[in-house]
Amino acid sequence: MRKSLVMAAVVLIAATGCGGGTGDTTGAASPTDKADTRAPVAHHLTVTSPAYRDGGTVPRRFTCDGADISPPIDLAGVPAGTRSLAVTVRDLDAPGGTFTHWLIRDIAANTRRLSAGAHPRGAVEGRNSFGRTGYSGPCPPHGDRPHRYILTVYATDRRPLLSPGTSPGASPDDLRRALAGHTLATGTLTGRYGR
């Protein structure tokens, strides 16, 4: 009898001890992550590119080894009530931590396609981790395994409001703060690139 109780306790402890994680292995922040300041997302955007599939290799043309222009992207599922779109591209595998390659905001809400190298009318590009305004493509250190580049599109219920001193070269943190509580939906496209 005592042996059965001990076995039942071990099974119960093992079962409850395995449920502590979110099960998310995508590298996305959990809802309790302090860096994730977005409101609960009710919708999911579909983000695709004619240049590469999700999880595929980013073509050289869109990297520092090529023309270094932003890739073309297509959007579907933008929710009603969207007033503006924003895009970021981040390298999750950079040696010093997450590295931002592109942030652009104030893209018209009715946009469903950005062509390669696009600079949409009225949109504002922010300062990337290279310290430059605009897009700077994947450029991992030579010899590193391929890095993951996450292109994220945000549908927002207003144009991101930034403090006067941050425009037009907003940083990734500036943009995250401006999107806090105003993100209706997000979608991602992951590309890989190595040198």
N, C-alpha and C. Protein backbone atom coordinates (compact mmCIF):
# COMPACT_ATOMS: atom_id res chain seq x y z
N MET A 1 0.82 -1.19 0.00
CA MET A 1 0.00 0.00 0.00
C MET A 1 0.87 1.26 0.00
N ARG A 2 1.87 1.29 0.91
CA ARG A 2 2.75 2.45 1.00
C ARG A 2 3.51 2.66 -0.33
N LYS A 3 3.95 1.54 -0.94
CA LYS A 3 4.66 1.62 -2.21
C LYS A 3 3.74 2.22 -3.30
N SER A 4 2.46 1.88 -3.30
CA SER A 4 1.50 2.42 -4.27
C SER A 4 1.31 3.91 -4.09
N LEU A 5 1.26 4.39 -2.82
CA LEU A 5 1.10 5.82 -2.55
C LEU A 5 2.33 6.59 -3.02
N VAL A 6 3.51 6.04 -2.77
CA VAL A 6 4.75 6.70 -3.20
C VAL A 6 4.77 6.79 -4.72
N MET A 7 4.43 5.72 -5.42
CA MET A 7 4.41 5.72 -6.88
C MET A 7 3.39 6.74 -7.41
N ALA A 8 2.23 6.83 -6.79
CA ALA A 8 1.20 7.79 -7.22
C ALA A 8 1.71 9.22 -7.03
N ALA A 9 2.41 9.48 -5.92
CA ALA A 9 2.95 10.82 -5.67
C ALA A 9 4.01 11.17 -6.70
N VAL A 10 4.87 10.22 -7.04
CA VAL A 10 5.92 10.47 -8.03
C VAL A 10 5.29 10.79 -9.39
N VAL A 11 4.28 10.03 -9.78
CA VAL A 11 3.61 10.26 -11.06
C VAL A 11 2.94 11.64 -11.06
N LEU A 12 2.28 12.02 -9.97
CA LEU A 12 1.61 13.31 -9.87
C LEU A 12 2.63 14.45 -9.95
N ILE A 13 3.73 14.34 -9.26
CA ILE A 13 4.76 15.38 -9.29
C ILE A 13 5.35 15.50 -10.69
N ALA A 14 5.64 14.37 -11.33
CA ALA A 14 6.21 14.40 -12.68
C ALA A 14 5.23 15.03 -13.67
N ALA A 15 3.96 14.70 -13.55
CA ALA A 15 2.96 15.24 -14.49
C ALA A 15 2.78 16.73 -14.32
N THR A 16 2.75 17.23 -13.10
CA THR A 16 2.55 18.66 -12.90
C THR A 16 3.82 19.44 -13.17
N GLY A 17 4.98 18.82 -12.99
CA GLY A 17 6.24 19.51 -13.22
C GLY A 17 6.54 19.75 -14.69
N CYS A 18 5.90 19.03 -15.60
CA CYS A 18 6.16 19.17 -17.03
C CYS A 18 5.31 20.24 -17.67
N GLY A 19 4.37 20.80 -16.98
CA GLY A 19 3.45 21.73 -17.60
C GLY A 19 3.79 23.18 -17.38
N GLY A 20 4.98 23.50 -16.90
CA GLY A 20 5.30 24.87 -16.58
C GLY A 20 5.62 25.76 -17.75
N GLY A 21 5.99 25.20 -18.90
CA GLY A 21 6.37 26.02 -20.05
C GLY A 21 5.17 26.36 -20.90
N THR A 22 5.41 27.23 -21.86
CA THR A 22 4.34 27.63 -22.76
C THR A 22 4.24 26.69 -23.95
N GLY A 23 5.27 25.88 -24.16
CA GLY A 23 5.28 25.00 -25.31
C GLY A 23 5.68 25.72 -26.59
N ASP A 24 6.00 26.97 -26.49
CA ASP A 24 6.37 27.78 -27.66
C ASP A 24 7.86 27.65 -27.90
N THR A 25 8.23 27.08 -29.02
CA THR A 25 9.65 26.94 -29.34
C THR A 25 10.03 27.82 -30.51
N THR A 26 9.22 28.83 -30.82
CA THR A 26 9.48 29.67 -31.98
C THR A 26 10.41 30.83 -31.69
N GLY A 27 10.69 31.08 -30.41
CA GLY A 27 11.51 32.23 -30.07
C GLY A 27 10.67 33.46 -29.79
N ALA A 28 9.33 33.33 -29.91
CA ALA A 28 8.45 34.46 -29.62
C ALA A 28 8.37 34.67 -28.12
N ALA A 29 8.17 35.90 -27.69
CA ALA A 29 8.06 36.21 -26.28
C ALA A 29 6.76 35.65 -25.73
N SER A 30 6.81 35.18 -24.49
CA SER A 30 5.58 34.70 -23.85
C SER A 30 4.77 35.89 -23.36
N PRO A 31 3.46 35.67 -23.04
CA PRO A 31 2.64 36.79 -22.58
C PRO A 31 3.17 37.44 -21.31
N THR A 32 3.97 36.72 -20.52
CA THR A 32 4.48 37.30 -19.29
C THR A 32 5.88 37.89 -19.45
N ASP A 33 6.46 37.80 -20.62
CA ASP A 33 7.78 38.36 -20.88
C ASP A 33 7.71 39.88 -20.77
N LYS A 34 8.55 40.48 -19.92
CA LYS A 34 8.51 41.92 -19.70
C LYS A 34 8.78 42.71 -20.97
N ALA A 35 9.53 42.15 -21.93
CA ALA A 35 9.84 42.87 -23.16
C ALA A 35 8.65 42.89 -24.12
N ASP A 36 7.66 42.03 -23.89
CA ASP A 36 6.50 41.96 -24.78
C ASP A 36 5.43 42.89 -24.24
N THR A 37 5.29 44.06 -24.87
CA THR A 37 4.35 45.07 -24.39
C THR A 37 3.11 45.16 -25.25
N ARG A 38 2.91 44.19 -26.12
CA ARG A 38 1.73 44.22 -26.98
C ARG A 38 0.49 43.83 -26.20
N ALA A 39 -0.65 44.33 -26.64
CA ALA A 39 -1.93 43.92 -26.11
C ALA A 39 -2.19 42.50 -26.59
N PRO A 40 -3.12 41.78 -25.95
CA PRO A 40 -3.44 40.45 -26.45
C PRO A 40 -3.84 40.53 -27.92
N VAL A 41 -3.28 39.65 -28.72
CA VAL A 41 -3.52 39.68 -30.16
C VAL A 41 -4.72 38.82 -30.47
N ALA A 42 -5.74 39.43 -31.10
CA ALA A 42 -6.96 38.72 -31.41
C ALA A 42 -6.92 38.05 -32.77
N HIS A 43 -6.08 38.54 -33.66
CA HIS A 43 -6.03 38.04 -35.03
C HIS A 43 -4.60 37.67 -35.41
N HIS A 44 -4.52 36.86 -36.45
CA HIS A 44 -3.21 36.48 -36.98
C HIS A 44 -3.15 36.91 -38.44
N LEU A 45 -2.12 37.64 -38.79
CA LEU A 45 -1.88 38.01 -40.18
C LEU A 45 -1.11 36.89 -40.86
N THR A 46 -1.34 36.71 -42.14
CA THR A 46 -0.54 35.79 -42.93
C THR A 46 0.48 36.63 -43.70
N VAL A 47 1.74 36.33 -43.48
CA VAL A 47 2.84 37.05 -44.12
C VAL A 47 3.60 36.06 -44.98
N THR A 48 3.70 36.35 -46.27
CA THR A 48 4.44 35.49 -47.19
C THR A 48 5.34 36.36 -48.06
N SER A 49 6.25 35.68 -48.76
CA SER A 49 7.12 36.39 -49.70
C SER A 49 7.30 35.54 -50.95
N PRO A 50 7.25 36.16 -52.13
CA PRO A 50 7.57 35.40 -53.33
C PRO A 50 9.07 35.08 -53.44
N ALA A 51 9.88 35.68 -52.58
CA ALA A 51 11.33 35.49 -52.63
C ALA A 51 11.80 34.26 -51.84
N TYR A 52 11.10 33.90 -50.78
CA TYR A 52 11.48 32.74 -49.97
C TYR A 52 10.30 32.28 -49.14
N ARG A 53 10.28 30.99 -48.84
CA ARG A 53 9.20 30.43 -48.03
C ARG A 53 9.53 30.59 -46.54
N ASP A 54 8.53 30.44 -45.70
CA ASP A 54 8.75 30.52 -44.26
C ASP A 54 9.74 29.42 -43.85
N GLY A 55 10.80 29.81 -43.18
CA GLY A 55 11.84 28.87 -42.76
C GLY A 55 12.91 28.65 -43.82
N GLY A 56 12.73 29.26 -45.00
CA GLY A 56 13.68 29.09 -46.09
C GLY A 56 14.85 30.05 -46.01
N THR A 57 15.71 29.97 -46.99
CA THR A 57 16.90 30.82 -47.06
C THR A 57 16.56 32.15 -47.71
N VAL A 58 16.99 33.23 -47.06
CA VAL A 58 16.82 34.58 -47.62
C VAL A 58 17.77 34.69 -48.82
N PRO A 59 17.24 35.02 -50.01
CA PRO A 59 18.12 35.15 -51.17
C PRO A 59 19.17 36.25 -50.96
N ARG A 60 20.34 36.01 -51.51
CA ARG A 60 21.49 36.93 -51.39
C ARG A 60 21.13 38.37 -51.74
N ARG A 61 20.24 38.57 -52.70
CA ARG A 61 19.85 39.91 -53.13
C ARG A 61 19.38 40.79 -51.96
N PHE A 62 18.78 40.17 -50.94
CA PHE A 62 18.19 40.91 -49.82
C PHE A 62 19.12 40.97 -48.61
N THR A 63 20.42 40.71 -48.83
CA THR A 63 21.40 40.68 -47.75
C THR A 63 22.51 41.69 -48.03
N CYS A 64 23.41 41.80 -47.06
CA CYS A 64 24.56 42.71 -47.22
C CYS A 64 25.51 42.22 -48.31
N ASP A 65 25.38 40.96 -48.72
CA ASP A 65 26.22 40.41 -49.77
C ASP A 65 25.65 40.64 -51.17
N GLY A 66 24.44 41.21 -51.22
CA GLY A 66 23.78 41.46 -52.50
C GLY A 66 23.39 42.92 -52.62
N ALA A 67 22.19 43.17 -53.12
CA ALA A 67 21.70 44.55 -53.32
C ALA A 67 21.30 45.21 -52.00
N ASP A 68 21.15 44.40 -50.94
CA ASP A 68 20.80 44.91 -49.60
C ASP A 68 19.50 45.72 -49.62
N ILE A 69 18.49 45.16 -50.29
CA ILE A 69 17.17 45.79 -50.31
C ILE A 69 16.18 44.89 -49.57
N SER A 70 15.10 45.48 -49.08
CA SER A 70 14.10 44.72 -48.34
C SER A 70 13.40 43.73 -49.27
N PRO A 71 13.02 42.57 -48.75
CA PRO A 71 12.36 41.56 -49.58
C PRO A 71 10.91 41.95 -49.86
N PRO A 72 10.34 41.42 -50.92
CA PRO A 72 8.92 41.64 -51.17
C PRO A 72 8.09 40.84 -50.17
N ILE A 73 6.98 41.41 -49.71
CA ILE A 73 6.10 40.68 -48.80
C ILE A 73 4.65 40.89 -49.20
N ASP A 74 3.86 39.85 -48.95
CA ASP A 74 2.42 39.88 -49.18
C ASP A 74 1.72 39.64 -47.85
N LEU A 75 0.59 40.33 -47.66
CA LEU A 75 -0.17 40.24 -46.41
C LEU A 75 -1.59 39.78 -46.68
N ALA A 76 -2.12 38.96 -45.79
CA ALA A 76 -3.52 38.56 -45.84
C ALA A 76 -4.04 38.51 -44.40
N GLY A 77 -5.32 38.73 -44.26
CA GLY A 77 -5.94 38.64 -42.94
C GLY A 77 -5.79 39.89 -42.09
N VAL A 78 -5.58 41.04 -42.71
CA VAL A 78 -5.50 42.29 -41.95
C VAL A 78 -6.89 42.57 -41.39
N PRO A 79 -7.03 42.71 -40.06
CA PRO A 79 -8.36 42.84 -39.48
C PRO A 79 -9.02 44.20 -39.72
N ALA A 80 -10.34 44.19 -39.68
CA ALA A 80 -11.10 45.44 -39.75
C ALA A 80 -10.68 46.31 -38.58
N GLY A 81 -10.67 47.59 -38.76
CA GLY A 81 -10.27 48.51 -37.69
C GLY A 81 -8.79 48.84 -37.71
N THR A 82 -8.03 48.21 -38.61
CA THR A 82 -6.61 48.51 -38.72
C THR A 82 -6.45 49.92 -39.28
N ARG A 83 -5.63 50.72 -38.62
CA ARG A 83 -5.37 52.10 -39.07
C ARG A 83 -3.98 52.28 -39.63
N SER A 84 -3.07 51.32 -39.30
CA SER A 84 -1.68 51.45 -39.73
C SER A 84 -1.00 50.10 -39.62
N LEU A 85 0.05 49.91 -40.41
CA LEU A 85 0.87 48.70 -40.34
C LEU A 85 2.31 49.10 -40.01
N ALA A 86 3.00 48.19 -39.36
CA ALA A 86 4.42 48.38 -39.06
C ALA A 86 5.12 47.05 -39.33
N VAL A 87 6.41 47.12 -39.67
CA VAL A 87 7.20 45.93 -39.97
C VAL A 87 8.54 46.03 -39.25
N THR A 88 8.98 44.91 -38.69
CA THR A 88 10.34 44.81 -38.16
C THR A 88 10.99 43.55 -38.72
N VAL A 89 12.32 43.59 -38.82
CA VAL A 89 13.10 42.39 -39.13
C VAL A 89 14.18 42.30 -38.06
N ARG A 90 14.20 41.14 -37.36
CA ARG A 90 15.15 40.95 -36.27
C ARG A 90 15.94 39.65 -36.45
N ASP A 91 17.22 39.70 -36.12
CA ASP A 91 18.10 38.53 -36.11
C ASP A 91 18.13 38.01 -34.69
N LEU A 92 17.56 36.83 -34.48
CA LEU A 92 17.51 36.26 -33.13
C LEU A 92 18.82 35.60 -32.71
N ASP A 93 19.73 35.39 -33.66
CA ASP A 93 20.96 34.65 -33.39
C ASP A 93 22.22 35.50 -33.39
N ALA A 94 22.06 36.81 -33.39
CA ALA A 94 23.22 37.70 -33.41
C ALA A 94 24.06 37.48 -32.15
N PRO A 95 25.39 37.57 -32.27
CA PRO A 95 26.27 37.30 -31.13
C PRO A 95 25.98 38.15 -29.90
N GLY A 96 25.56 39.39 -30.07
CA GLY A 96 25.29 40.27 -28.93
C GLY A 96 23.84 40.28 -28.49
N GLY A 97 23.02 39.37 -28.99
CA GLY A 97 21.59 39.36 -28.68
C GLY A 97 20.80 39.83 -29.89
N THR A 98 19.49 39.93 -29.74
CA THR A 98 18.62 40.28 -30.86
C THR A 98 19.08 41.58 -31.53
N PHE A 99 19.14 41.54 -32.86
CA PHE A 99 19.67 42.63 -33.67
C PHE A 99 18.59 43.02 -34.67
N THR A 100 18.21 44.29 -34.69
CA THR A 100 17.15 44.76 -35.58
C THR A 100 17.73 45.24 -36.91
N HIS A 101 17.21 44.69 -38.00
CA HIS A 101 17.66 45.05 -39.35
C HIS A 101 16.74 46.05 -40.04
N TRP A 102 15.49 46.13 -39.58
CA TRP A 102 14.54 47.05 -40.23
C TRP A 102 13.37 47.31 -39.32
N LEU A 103 12.96 48.55 -39.27
CA LEU A 103 11.68 48.89 -38.68
C LEU A 103 11.09 50.03 -39.49
N ILE A 104 9.83 49.83 -39.84
CA ILE A 104 9.12 50.80 -40.65
C ILE A 104 7.69 50.87 -40.10
N ARG A 105 7.17 52.08 -39.99
CA ARG A 105 5.84 52.28 -39.41
C ARG A 105 5.04 53.23 -40.29
N ASP A 106 3.79 53.40 -39.93
CA ASP A 106 2.88 54.28 -40.66
C ASP A 106 2.66 53.83 -42.10
N ILE A 107 2.67 52.52 -42.32
CA ILE A 107 2.33 51.98 -43.63
C ILE A 107 0.80 52.00 -43.73
N ALA A 108 0.28 52.41 -44.86
CA ALA A 108 -1.17 52.51 -45.04
C ALA A 108 -1.86 51.19 -44.71
N ALA A 109 -2.99 51.27 -44.02
CA ALA A 109 -3.72 50.09 -43.55
C ALA A 109 -4.22 49.21 -44.69
N ASN A 110 -4.42 49.77 -45.86
CA ASN A 110 -4.93 48.97 -46.99
C ASN A 110 -3.81 48.30 -47.79
N THR A 111 -2.58 48.40 -47.34
CA THR A 111 -1.44 47.78 -48.03
C THR A 111 -1.52 46.26 -47.89
N ARG A 112 -1.42 45.57 -49.00
CA ARG A 112 -1.41 44.10 -48.97
C ARG A 112 -0.15 43.54 -49.60
N ARG A 113 0.70 44.41 -50.17
CA ARG A 113 1.96 43.97 -50.77
C ARG A 113 2.98 45.09 -50.66
N LEU A 114 4.19 44.70 -50.28
CA LEU A 114 5.34 45.60 -50.35
C LEU A 114 6.30 44.97 -51.36
N SER A 115 6.65 45.72 -52.37
CA SER A 115 7.58 45.21 -53.37
C SER A 115 9.01 45.23 -52.81
N ALA A 116 9.91 44.55 -53.47
CA ALA A 116 11.32 44.53 -53.05
C ALA A 116 11.85 45.96 -53.02
N GLY A 117 12.50 46.32 -51.94
CA GLY A 117 13.08 47.65 -51.80
C GLY A 117 12.06 48.75 -51.60
N ALA A 118 10.84 48.39 -51.20
CA ALA A 118 9.75 49.37 -51.08
C ALA A 118 10.01 50.43 -50.03
N HIS A 119 9.58 51.64 -50.36
CA HIS A 119 9.54 52.77 -49.43
C HIS A 119 8.14 53.36 -49.57
N PRO A 120 7.13 52.75 -48.90
CA PRO A 120 5.75 53.18 -49.11
C PRO A 120 5.54 54.65 -48.79
N ARG A 121 4.72 55.30 -49.61
CA ARG A 121 4.40 56.72 -49.41
C ARG A 121 3.80 56.92 -48.01
N GLY A 122 4.34 57.88 -47.28
CA GLY A 122 3.84 58.21 -45.95
C GLY A 122 4.44 57.38 -44.82
N ALA A 123 5.10 56.27 -45.15
CA ALA A 123 5.70 55.43 -44.11
C ALA A 123 6.99 56.06 -43.60
N VAL A 124 7.35 55.72 -42.38
CA VAL A 124 8.55 56.26 -41.75
C VAL A 124 9.43 55.10 -41.31
N GLU A 125 10.69 55.09 -41.77
CA GLU A 125 11.63 54.06 -41.37
C GLU A 125 12.43 54.52 -40.17
N GLY A 126 12.64 53.58 -39.24
CA GLY A 126 13.38 53.90 -38.03
C GLY A 126 14.83 53.48 -38.12
N ARG A 127 15.53 53.65 -37.02
CA ARG A 127 16.97 53.37 -36.92
C ARG A 127 17.17 51.89 -36.57
N ASN A 128 17.95 51.19 -37.38
CA ASN A 128 18.21 49.78 -37.11
C ASN A 128 19.42 49.63 -36.19
N SER A 129 19.78 48.41 -35.88
CA SER A 129 20.89 48.18 -34.95
C SER A 129 22.26 48.50 -35.54
N PHE A 130 22.35 48.71 -36.85
CA PHE A 130 23.58 49.20 -37.47
C PHE A 130 23.74 50.70 -37.23
N GLY A 131 22.67 51.35 -36.69
CA GLY A 131 22.69 52.79 -36.48
C GLY A 131 22.24 53.57 -37.70
N ARG A 132 21.72 52.86 -38.71
CA ARG A 132 21.26 53.49 -39.95
C ARG A 132 19.74 53.51 -40.00
N THR A 133 19.20 54.48 -40.71
CA THR A 133 17.76 54.54 -40.92
C THR A 133 17.43 53.72 -42.17
N GLY A 134 16.43 52.85 -42.06
CA GLY A 134 16.01 52.04 -43.19
C GLY A 134 16.42 50.59 -43.03
N TYR A 135 16.34 49.87 -44.13
CA TYR A 135 16.63 48.43 -44.15
C TYR A 135 18.11 48.18 -44.34
N SER A 136 18.63 47.26 -43.54
CA SER A 136 19.98 46.72 -43.72
C SER A 136 19.83 45.21 -43.62
N GLY A 137 20.14 44.51 -44.67
CA GLY A 137 19.85 43.08 -44.76
C GLY A 137 20.70 42.20 -43.87
N PRO A 138 20.33 40.90 -43.84
CA PRO A 138 21.09 39.92 -43.08
C PRO A 138 22.58 39.99 -43.42
N CYS A 139 23.41 39.92 -42.37
CA CYS A 139 24.85 40.05 -42.55
C CYS A 139 25.55 39.36 -41.37
N PRO A 140 25.29 38.06 -41.19
CA PRO A 140 25.88 37.38 -40.03
C PRO A 140 27.39 37.25 -40.18
N PRO A 141 28.09 37.05 -39.08
CA PRO A 141 29.53 36.83 -39.16
C PRO A 141 29.86 35.62 -40.02
N HIS A 142 30.94 35.71 -40.79
CA HIS A 142 31.39 34.58 -41.60
C HIS A 142 31.67 33.40 -40.69
N GLY A 143 31.21 32.23 -41.10
CA GLY A 143 31.47 31.01 -40.35
C GLY A 143 30.40 30.66 -39.32
N ASP A 144 29.52 31.60 -38.97
CA ASP A 144 28.40 31.27 -38.07
C ASP A 144 27.43 30.34 -38.78
N ARG A 145 26.73 29.54 -38.01
CA ARG A 145 25.64 28.77 -38.62
C ARG A 145 24.61 29.77 -39.10
N PRO A 146 23.74 29.40 -40.03
CA PRO A 146 22.75 30.36 -40.52
C PRO A 146 21.91 30.96 -39.38
N HIS A 147 21.74 32.26 -39.44
CA HIS A 147 20.94 32.96 -38.44
C HIS A 147 19.48 32.96 -38.87
N ARG A 148 18.58 33.13 -37.87
CA ARG A 148 17.14 33.25 -38.12
C ARG A 148 16.76 34.72 -38.14
N TYR A 149 16.09 35.12 -39.21
CA TYR A 149 15.63 36.50 -39.37
C TYR A 149 14.11 36.48 -39.35
N ILE A 150 13.52 37.15 -38.35
CA ILE A 150 12.08 37.15 -38.17
C ILE A 150 11.52 38.48 -38.67
N LEU A 151 10.76 38.41 -39.75
CA LEU A 151 10.06 39.57 -40.28
C LEU A 151 8.67 39.54 -39.64
N THR A 152 8.34 40.58 -38.89
CA THR A 152 7.05 40.66 -38.19
C THR A 152 6.27 41.85 -38.71
N VAL A 153 5.00 41.62 -39.02
CA VAL A 153 4.10 42.69 -39.43
C VAL A 153 3.08 42.89 -38.31
N TYR A 154 2.86 44.15 -37.95
CA TYR A 154 1.91 44.52 -36.90
C TYR A 154 0.77 45.31 -37.54
N ALA A 155 -0.47 44.93 -37.25
CA ALA A 155 -1.64 45.72 -37.62
C ALA A 155 -2.07 46.46 -36.36
N THR A 156 -2.19 47.78 -36.44
CA THR A 156 -2.47 48.57 -35.25
C THR A 156 -3.76 49.37 -35.39
N ASP A 157 -4.34 49.74 -34.25
CA ASP A 157 -5.59 50.48 -34.26
C ASP A 157 -5.38 51.99 -34.34
N ARG A 158 -4.14 52.41 -34.46
CA ARG A 158 -3.80 53.83 -34.66
C ARG A 158 -2.39 53.91 -35.21
N ARG A 159 -2.03 55.07 -35.71
CA ARG A 159 -0.65 55.29 -36.12
C ARG A 159 0.20 55.29 -34.84
N PRO A 160 1.35 54.63 -34.85
CA PRO A 160 2.19 54.63 -33.64
C PRO A 160 2.59 56.06 -33.26
N LEU A 161 2.26 56.45 -32.05
CA LEU A 161 2.60 57.79 -31.56
C LEU A 161 3.94 57.73 -30.85
N LEU A 162 4.89 58.47 -31.38
CA LEU A 162 6.23 58.50 -30.80
C LEU A 162 6.48 59.87 -30.20
N SER A 163 7.31 59.91 -29.17
CA SER A 163 7.63 61.21 -28.58
C SER A 163 8.35 62.06 -29.63
N PRO A 164 8.19 63.38 -29.58
CA PRO A 164 8.74 64.26 -30.63
C PRO A 164 10.22 64.07 -30.90
N GLY A 165 11.02 63.76 -29.91
CA GLY A 165 12.46 63.64 -30.10
C GLY A 165 12.89 62.37 -30.82
N THR A 166 11.97 61.40 -31.03
CA THR A 166 12.37 60.12 -31.62
C THR A 166 12.14 60.05 -33.12
N SER A 167 11.30 60.86 -33.66
CA SER A 167 10.97 60.78 -35.08
C SER A 167 12.01 61.53 -35.91
N PRO A 168 12.38 61.08 -37.08
CA PRO A 168 11.94 59.87 -37.76
C PRO A 168 12.78 58.63 -37.44
N GLY A 169 13.91 58.78 -36.77
CA GLY A 169 14.81 57.64 -36.55
C GLY A 169 14.49 56.85 -35.30
N ALA A 170 13.24 56.43 -35.14
CA ALA A 170 12.84 55.69 -33.95
C ALA A 170 13.63 54.39 -33.81
N SER A 171 13.92 54.02 -32.58
CA SER A 171 14.62 52.77 -32.29
C SER A 171 13.59 51.65 -32.13
N PRO A 172 14.05 50.40 -32.10
CA PRO A 172 13.12 49.29 -31.87
C PRO A 172 12.33 49.46 -30.56
N ASP A 173 12.99 49.92 -29.51
CA ASP A 173 12.28 50.12 -28.24
C ASP A 173 11.23 51.22 -28.34
N ASP A 174 11.54 52.31 -29.07
CA ASP A 174 10.56 53.37 -29.29
C ASP A 174 9.32 52.80 -29.97
N LEU A 175 9.52 52.00 -30.99
CA LEU A 175 8.39 51.44 -31.72
C LEU A 175 7.59 50.49 -30.85
N ARG A 176 8.27 49.62 -30.09
CA ARG A 176 7.56 48.69 -29.20
C ARG A 176 6.68 49.44 -28.20
N ARG A 177 7.23 50.51 -27.63
CA ARG A 177 6.43 51.29 -26.68
C ARG A 177 5.22 51.92 -27.36
N ALA A 178 5.41 52.41 -28.59
CA ALA A 178 4.31 53.05 -29.32
C ALA A 178 3.22 52.05 -29.70
N LEU A 179 3.59 50.78 -29.89
CA LEU A 179 2.61 49.76 -30.27
C LEU A 179 1.90 49.14 -29.06
N ALA A 180 2.44 49.37 -27.87
CA ALA A 180 1.88 48.76 -26.66
C ALA A 180 0.39 49.09 -26.53
N GLY A 181 -0.42 48.04 -26.44
CA GLY A 181 -1.85 48.20 -26.26
C GLY A 181 -2.61 48.56 -27.51
N HIS A 182 -1.94 48.65 -28.65
CA HIS A 182 -2.61 49.06 -29.89
C HIS A 182 -2.42 48.08 -31.05
N THR A 183 -1.89 46.91 -30.77
CA THR A 183 -1.66 45.91 -31.82
C THR A 183 -2.88 45.00 -31.93
N LEU A 184 -3.52 45.01 -33.09
CA LEU A 184 -4.70 44.18 -33.34
C LEU A 184 -4.32 42.78 -33.80
N ALA A 185 -3.22 42.67 -34.54
CA ALA A 185 -2.81 41.39 -35.08
C ALA A 185 -1.34 41.44 -35.47
N THR A 186 -0.72 40.28 -35.49
CA THR A 186 0.67 40.17 -35.97
C THR A 186 0.80 38.93 -36.84
N GLY A 187 1.82 38.93 -37.65
CA GLY A 187 2.17 37.77 -38.44
C GLY A 187 3.66 37.79 -38.68
N THR A 188 4.25 36.62 -38.86
CA THR A 188 5.70 36.56 -39.05
C THR A 188 6.07 35.71 -40.26
N LEU A 189 7.25 35.96 -40.76
CA LEU A 189 7.88 35.17 -41.81
C LEU A 189 9.33 35.01 -41.38
N THR A 190 9.78 33.78 -41.27
CA THR A 190 11.15 33.51 -40.84
C THR A 190 12.00 33.11 -42.02
N GLY A 191 13.15 33.75 -42.15
CA GLY A 191 14.14 33.40 -43.16
C GLY A 191 15.46 33.08 -42.48
N ARG A 192 16.31 32.34 -43.16
CA ARG A 192 17.63 31.99 -42.63
C ARG A 192 18.69 32.46 -43.60
N TYR A 193 19.84 32.84 -43.03
CA TYR A 193 20.95 33.23 -43.91
C TYR A 193 22.25 32.99 -43.18
N GLY A 194 23.22 32.42 -43.87
CA GLY A 194 24.55 32.20 -43.33
C GLY A 194 25.59 32.57 -44.38
N ARG A 195 26.84 32.79 -43.92
CA ARG A 195 27.92 33.18 -44.82
C ARG A 195 29.14 32.31 -44.60
